Amino acid sequence: MRYVPFLFCLFLGFSNLLYGSETHTKIQLASLYQGDEDISNYLVSEKFDGVRAIWDGSQLRTRGGHLIKAPDWFTQGLPDTWLDGELWAGYNNFAFVSAIARRHSPNNEHWRQVTYYVFDAPNSTEIFSERHERYSSLLIHIELSHIKPVKQLSFGSVDELNDYYHDVLKRGGEGVMLHAKNAKHEDGRTTNVLKYKPYLDDEAIVIKHLPGKGKYQGMMGSLLVRDEQGMEFKVGSGFSDEERASPPPIGSQITYRYQGYTKFGKPRFARFLRVRPKL
């Protein structure tokens, strides 16, 4: 295992050379790691369970394009270039960061617990390994302790990857990400970025509340949901009694975990994780 070296110099004309002035709100969405990929073709990093945040050169936005109202001091000094990353406040703190990102007025004390981990540059025309070196150099030189490039590693074998993956899980991480070294940025779902986790998760829209039976009589028994491919299926486990009494509203987006797919293409053992906040 070795760390990918950073370039320790600023690149003159970086933003004009690599980034256009047009609005760009689309981002890359990871596909699943299958286990048969050539690991030497990828750079690997920890997957942070935070809030996805895109710096558009002047302000932070969610992956849906909504403004994140961060304090001025948090973003002061960031380059006039597009960056993609994660707002993170430590392990098992997703709800805390999500609440911070949704506030209409920033709480300075809370924001001081947040780090913006940058892992890509959406408008760059370069391949990922070059993008990483360039934006890492920029972030290192602005010397903001709460803005950091995500450390990218290179492995020579699946065994090395798995050792790192298990180290991440032991310290409370949720998995790792693999970026194809020689791939250019590609909007939407792509196999150039892969996620490797102990379980799979995804999002779906609630379209109906299905009634409960037995001990759940008079409560929600399961949700009928629809994923981004248009597949409809039920999510019936993972709910507290409070959530069954007051289920996620129709039209809301939930995150669920699952274990592969059935022969009909539906998520197997779909289990509710949380309501995805409107960001």
Protein backbone atom coordinates (compact mmCIF):
# COMPACT_ATOMS: atom_id res chain seq x y z
CA MET A 1 0.00 0.00 0.00
CA ARG A 2 1.24 3.51 -0.73
CA TYR A 3 -0.16 7.01 -0.48
CA VAL A 4 -0.71 8.75 -3.77
CA PRO A 5 1.69 11.74 -3.73
CA PHE A 6 0.22 15.22 -3.78
CA LEU A 7 1.57 18.04 -5.92
CA PHE A 8 2.86 20.69 -3.59
CA CYS A 9 2.59 23.63 -5.92
CA LEU A 10 -0.23 25.85 -7.06
CA PHE A 11 -1.35 25.61 -10.64
CA LEU A 12 -1.64 29.00 -12.29
CA GLY A 13 -4.81 29.48 -14.25
CA PHE A 14 -6.26 26.28 -12.77
CA SER A 15 -9.87 27.39 -12.69
CA ASN A 16 -9.83 28.88 -16.19
CA LEU A 17 -8.08 25.88 -17.64
CA LEU A 18 -10.20 23.16 -16.10
CA TYR A 19 -13.54 24.64 -15.22
CA GLY A 20 -16.20 26.35 -17.24
CA SER A 21 -18.45 29.12 -16.02
CA GLU A 22 -21.66 27.24 -16.81
CA THR A 23 -23.89 25.97 -14.02
CA HIS A 24 -23.15 22.36 -13.18
CA THR A 25 -25.31 20.62 -10.59
CA LYS A 26 -24.99 16.99 -11.63
CA ILE A 27 -22.65 14.66 -9.77
CA GLN A 28 -21.33 11.13 -10.05
CA LEU A 29 -23.30 8.38 -8.31
CA ALA A 30 -21.44 5.22 -7.40
CA SER A 31 -22.19 1.72 -8.61
CA LEU A 32 -21.51 -1.40 -6.55
CA TYR A 33 -18.12 -3.05 -6.17
CA GLN A 34 -18.38 -6.59 -7.56
CA GLY A 35 -15.08 -8.07 -6.38
CA ASP A 36 -13.71 -8.98 -9.81
CA GLU A 37 -12.30 -5.55 -10.74
CA ASP A 38 -8.58 -4.98 -11.34
CA ILE A 39 -7.71 -3.14 -8.14
CA SER A 40 -4.60 -1.59 -9.64
CA ASN A 41 -6.86 0.57 -11.83
CA TYR A 42 -8.45 2.34 -8.85
CA LEU A 43 -7.69 4.85 -6.13
CA VAL A 44 -9.36 3.91 -2.85
CA SER A 45 -10.63 6.06 0.01
CA GLU A 46 -12.80 5.79 3.09
CA LYS A 47 -16.53 6.36 2.55
CA PHE A 48 -17.78 9.03 4.94
CA ASP A 49 -21.38 8.89 6.15
CA GLY A 50 -22.15 12.60 6.02
CA VAL A 51 -24.01 15.07 3.83
CA ARG A 52 -22.95 15.33 0.18
CA ALA A 53 -21.94 18.93 -0.53
CA ILE A 54 -20.89 20.59 -3.80
CA TRP A 55 -18.90 23.83 -3.76
CA ASP A 56 -19.88 25.75 -6.92
CA GLY A 57 -17.11 28.31 -6.62
CA SER A 58 -19.10 30.65 -4.39
CA GLN A 59 -21.40 28.61 -2.13
CA LEU A 60 -22.15 25.10 -0.89
CA ARG A 61 -25.07 23.15 -2.32
CA THR A 62 -26.61 19.74 -1.73
CA ARG A 63 -26.56 17.10 -4.44
CA GLY A 64 -30.09 18.26 -5.27
CA GLY A 65 -28.88 21.81 -5.83
CA HIS A 66 -30.28 23.35 -2.64
CA LEU A 67 -28.22 25.99 -0.86
CA ILE A 68 -26.39 24.97 2.33
CA LYS A 69 -26.12 28.05 4.53
CA ALA A 70 -22.66 27.62 6.00
CA PRO A 71 -20.99 30.42 8.00
CA ASP A 72 -18.82 32.76 5.94
CA TRP A 73 -15.70 31.70 7.84
CA PHE A 74 -16.31 28.06 6.88
CA THR A 75 -16.04 28.67 3.13
CA GLN A 76 -13.77 31.72 3.15
CA GLY A 77 -10.63 30.95 1.17
CA LEU A 78 -12.10 28.12 -0.89
CA PRO A 79 -10.99 28.27 -4.54
CA ASP A 80 -13.18 29.61 -7.35
CA THR A 81 -13.59 26.07 -8.68
CA TRP A 82 -16.16 23.30 -8.39
CA LEU A 83 -15.55 20.76 -5.62
CA ASP A 84 -17.49 17.68 -4.54
CA GLY A 85 -17.26 16.25 -1.05
CA GLU A 86 -18.88 15.30 2.22
CA LEU A 87 -19.73 17.35 5.30
CA TRP A 88 -18.73 15.06 8.16
CA ALA A 89 -18.66 15.35 11.97
CA GLY A 90 -17.33 11.97 13.04
CA TYR A 91 -18.67 8.44 13.03
CA ASN A 92 -22.38 7.84 13.68
CA ASN A 93 -23.18 11.55 13.43
CA PHE A 94 -25.17 11.66 10.19
CA ALA A 95 -28.30 13.04 11.86
CA PHE A 96 -26.27 15.83 13.50
CA VAL A 97 -24.68 16.93 10.21
CA SER A 98 -27.97 16.62 8.34
CA ALA A 99 -29.66 18.94 10.82
CA ILE A 100 -26.82 21.47 10.51
CA ALA A 101 -27.01 21.46 6.71
CA ARG A 102 -30.77 22.08 6.77
CA ARG A 103 -30.71 25.08 9.10
CA HIS A 104 -31.72 28.41 7.56
CA SER A 105 -29.29 30.25 9.83
CA PRO A 106 -25.90 28.65 10.60
CA ASN A 107 -24.92 27.75 14.15
CA ASN A 108 -21.21 28.56 14.48
CA GLU A 109 -20.65 26.21 17.41
CA HIS A 110 -22.13 23.29 15.48
CA TRP A 111 -20.28 24.11 12.25
CA ARG A 112 -16.95 24.07 14.14
CA GLN A 113 -17.51 20.33 14.58
CA VAL A 114 -17.82 19.78 10.81
CA THR A 115 -15.10 18.99 8.28
CA TYR A 116 -15.59 19.27 4.53
CA TYR A 117 -13.83 16.27 2.97
CA VAL A 118 -13.33 16.86 -0.75
CA PHE A 119 -13.09 13.87 -3.07
CA ASP A 120 -13.63 15.23 -6.59
CA ALA A 121 -13.84 18.24 -8.89
CA PRO A 122 -17.05 17.96 -10.96
CA ASN A 123 -16.24 20.31 -13.83
CA SER A 124 -12.72 19.10 -14.46
CA THR A 125 -11.83 17.72 -17.88
CA GLU A 126 -8.94 15.65 -16.52
CA ILE A 127 -8.84 12.01 -15.42
CA PHE A 128 -9.45 11.32 -11.75
CA SER A 129 -5.83 10.83 -10.67
CA GLU A 130 -4.95 14.24 -12.13
CA ARG A 131 -8.05 15.89 -10.67
CA HIS A 132 -7.15 14.54 -7.26
CA GLU A 133 -3.60 15.86 -7.37
CA ARG A 134 -4.68 19.33 -8.49
CA TYR A 135 -7.52 19.97 -6.04
CA SER A 136 -5.49 18.39 -3.21
CA SER A 137 -2.68 20.85 -3.88
CA LEU A 138 -5.11 23.78 -3.82
CA LEU A 139 -6.71 22.68 -0.54
CA ILE A 140 -3.38 22.03 1.14
CA HIS A 141 -2.20 25.52 0.30
CA ILE A 142 -5.27 27.35 1.61
CA GLU A 143 -4.50 25.81 5.03
CA LEU A 144 -8.03 25.53 6.42
CA SER A 145 -8.17 22.84 9.10
CA HIS A 146 -11.84 22.10 8.40
CA ILE A 147 -11.37 21.67 4.62
CA LYS A 148 -9.43 18.56 3.66
CA PRO A 149 -8.87 16.44 0.55
CA VAL A 150 -9.91 12.83 1.04
CA LYS A 151 -6.82 10.64 1.22
CA GLN A 152 -6.64 8.34 -1.80
CA LEU A 153 -4.71 5.07 -1.62
CA SER A 154 -3.41 2.66 -4.23
CA PHE A 155 -3.42 -1.11 -3.72
CA GLY A 156 -1.81 -3.92 -5.66
CA SER A 157 -4.11 -6.76 -4.65
CA VAL A 158 -7.60 -7.57 -3.43
CA ASP A 159 -6.10 -8.77 -0.13
CA GLU A 160 -4.61 -5.32 0.49
CA LEU A 161 -7.94 -3.70 -0.37
CA ASN A 162 -9.82 -6.01 2.00
CA ASP A 163 -7.36 -5.33 4.84
CA TYR A 164 -7.97 -1.61 4.44
CA TYR A 165 -11.74 -2.14 4.13
CA HIS A 166 -11.86 -4.06 7.42
CA ASP A 167 -9.69 -1.43 9.14
CA VAL A 168 -12.23 1.22 8.09
CA LEU A 169 -15.12 -0.85 9.46
CA LYS A 170 -13.32 -1.45 12.77
CA ARG A 171 -12.94 2.26 13.42
CA GLY A 172 -16.63 2.88 12.71
CA GLY A 173 -16.56 3.67 9.00
CA GLU A 174 -19.27 2.47 6.64
CA GLY A 175 -17.05 1.23 3.81
CA VAL A 176 -14.72 2.40 1.05
CA MET A 177 -14.95 4.07 -2.35
CA LEU A 178 -13.04 3.10 -5.49
CA HIS A 179 -12.38 5.73 -8.19
CA ALA A 180 -11.10 4.61 -11.59
CA LYS A 181 -7.74 6.37 -11.96
CA ASN A 182 -8.03 7.10 -15.68
CA ALA A 183 -11.72 8.03 -15.84
CA LYS A 184 -13.07 11.48 -16.61
CA HIS A 185 -15.98 12.85 -14.62
CA GLU A 186 -19.30 11.35 -15.74
CA ASP A 187 -22.65 12.71 -14.57
CA GLY A 188 -25.12 10.34 -12.97
CA ARG A 189 -24.73 6.65 -12.13
CA THR A 190 -21.35 5.38 -13.27
CA THR A 191 -19.07 2.36 -12.94
CA ASN A 192 -16.10 4.74 -12.70
CA VAL A 193 -16.92 5.10 -9.00
CA LEU A 194 -17.68 2.03 -6.88
CA LYS A 195 -18.83 1.65 -3.28
CA TYR A 196 -17.76 -1.32 -1.15
CA LYS A 197 -19.86 -1.75 1.98
CA PRO A 198 -20.88 -4.61 4.31
CA TYR A 199 -24.47 -4.06 3.22
CA LEU A 200 -26.11 -2.31 0.31
CA ASP A 201 -28.29 0.75 0.65
CA ASP A 202 -30.26 2.99 -1.66
CA GLU A 203 -33.10 5.50 -1.73
CA ALA A 204 -36.76 5.15 -2.70
CA ILE A 205 -39.92 7.29 -2.64
CA VAL A 206 -42.83 6.35 -0.36
CA ILE A 207 -45.97 5.87 -2.45
CA LYS A 208 -48.32 4.11 0.00
CA HIS A 209 -48.75 3.10 3.66
CA LEU A 210 -49.82 -0.53 4.05
CA PRO A 211 -51.77 -1.44 7.22
CA GLY A 212 -50.25 -3.57 9.96
CA LYS A 213 -51.59 -6.82 11.38
CA GLY A 214 -51.37 -8.50 14.78
CA LYS A 215 -49.36 -6.37 17.21
CA TYR A 216 -49.16 -3.68 14.53
CA GLN A 217 -52.94 -3.49 14.09
CA GLY A 218 -53.92 0.15 13.59
CA MET A 219 -50.38 1.09 12.68
CA MET A 220 -48.30 1.07 9.53
CA GLY A 221 -47.23 -2.46 8.65
CA SER A 222 -44.99 -1.68 5.69
CA LEU A 223 -44.26 0.96 3.09
CA LEU A 224 -44.80 0.56 -0.62
CA VAL A 225 -41.94 2.44 -2.27
CA ARG A 226 -40.59 3.13 -5.74
CA ASP A 227 -36.87 3.35 -6.59
CA GLU A 228 -35.21 5.48 -9.28
CA GLN A 229 -35.61 2.65 -11.82
CA GLY A 230 -39.38 2.60 -11.24
CA MET A 231 -39.34 -0.71 -9.35
CA GLU A 232 -42.03 -0.93 -6.65
CA PHE A 233 -41.53 -3.07 -3.53
CA LYS A 234 -42.34 -3.22 0.18
CA VAL A 235 -40.18 -2.18 3.11
CA GLY A 236 -41.59 -3.73 6.28
CA SER A 237 -38.79 -4.02 8.84
CA GLY A 238 -36.42 -1.69 10.65
CA PHE A 239 -39.15 0.60 12.03
CA SER A 240 -39.62 1.58 15.67
CA ASP A 241 -43.13 1.58 17.15
CA GLU A 242 -43.06 5.38 17.00
CA GLU A 243 -42.22 5.28 13.29
CA ARG A 244 -45.03 2.81 12.65
CA ALA A 245 -47.48 5.07 14.47
CA SER A 246 -46.25 8.09 12.50
CA PRO A 247 -44.72 6.69 9.30
CA PRO A 248 -42.69 8.60 6.71
CA PRO A 249 -45.16 10.68 4.68
CA ILE A 250 -46.15 9.73 1.16
CA GLY A 251 -43.81 11.45 -1.25
CA SER A 252 -40.89 11.45 1.17
CA GLN A 253 -37.62 9.71 0.35
CA ILE A 254 -36.25 6.96 2.57
CA THR A 255 -32.92 5.18 2.75
CA TYR A 256 -33.13 1.39 3.04
CA ARG A 257 -30.57 -1.39 3.25
CA TYR A 258 -30.81 -4.70 1.43
CA GLN A 259 -28.91 -7.86 0.53
CA GLY A 260 -28.78 -8.24 -3.23
CA TYR A 261 -31.77 -8.80 -5.48
CA THR A 262 -34.49 -11.40 -5.98
CA LYS A 263 -34.94 -13.16 -9.32
CA PHE A 264 -37.57 -10.52 -10.08
CA GLY A 265 -35.05 -7.69 -9.64
CA LYS A 266 -36.42 -6.42 -6.34
CA PRO A 267 -34.19 -5.63 -3.32
CA ARG A 268 -33.87 -8.68 -1.05
CA PHE A 269 -34.61 -8.22 2.68
CA ALA A 270 -35.20 -4.46 2.32
CA ARG A 271 -34.94 -2.82 5.76
CA PHE A 272 -35.73 0.79 6.68
CA LEU A 273 -32.78 2.93 7.77
CA ARG A 274 -34.02 6.51 7.92
CA VAL A 275 -35.98 9.23 6.19
CA ARG A 276 -33.72 11.13 3.84
CA PRO A 277 -33.99 14.84 4.70
CA LYS A 278 -35.04 17.23 1.96
CA LEU A 279 -31.71 18.85 1.16
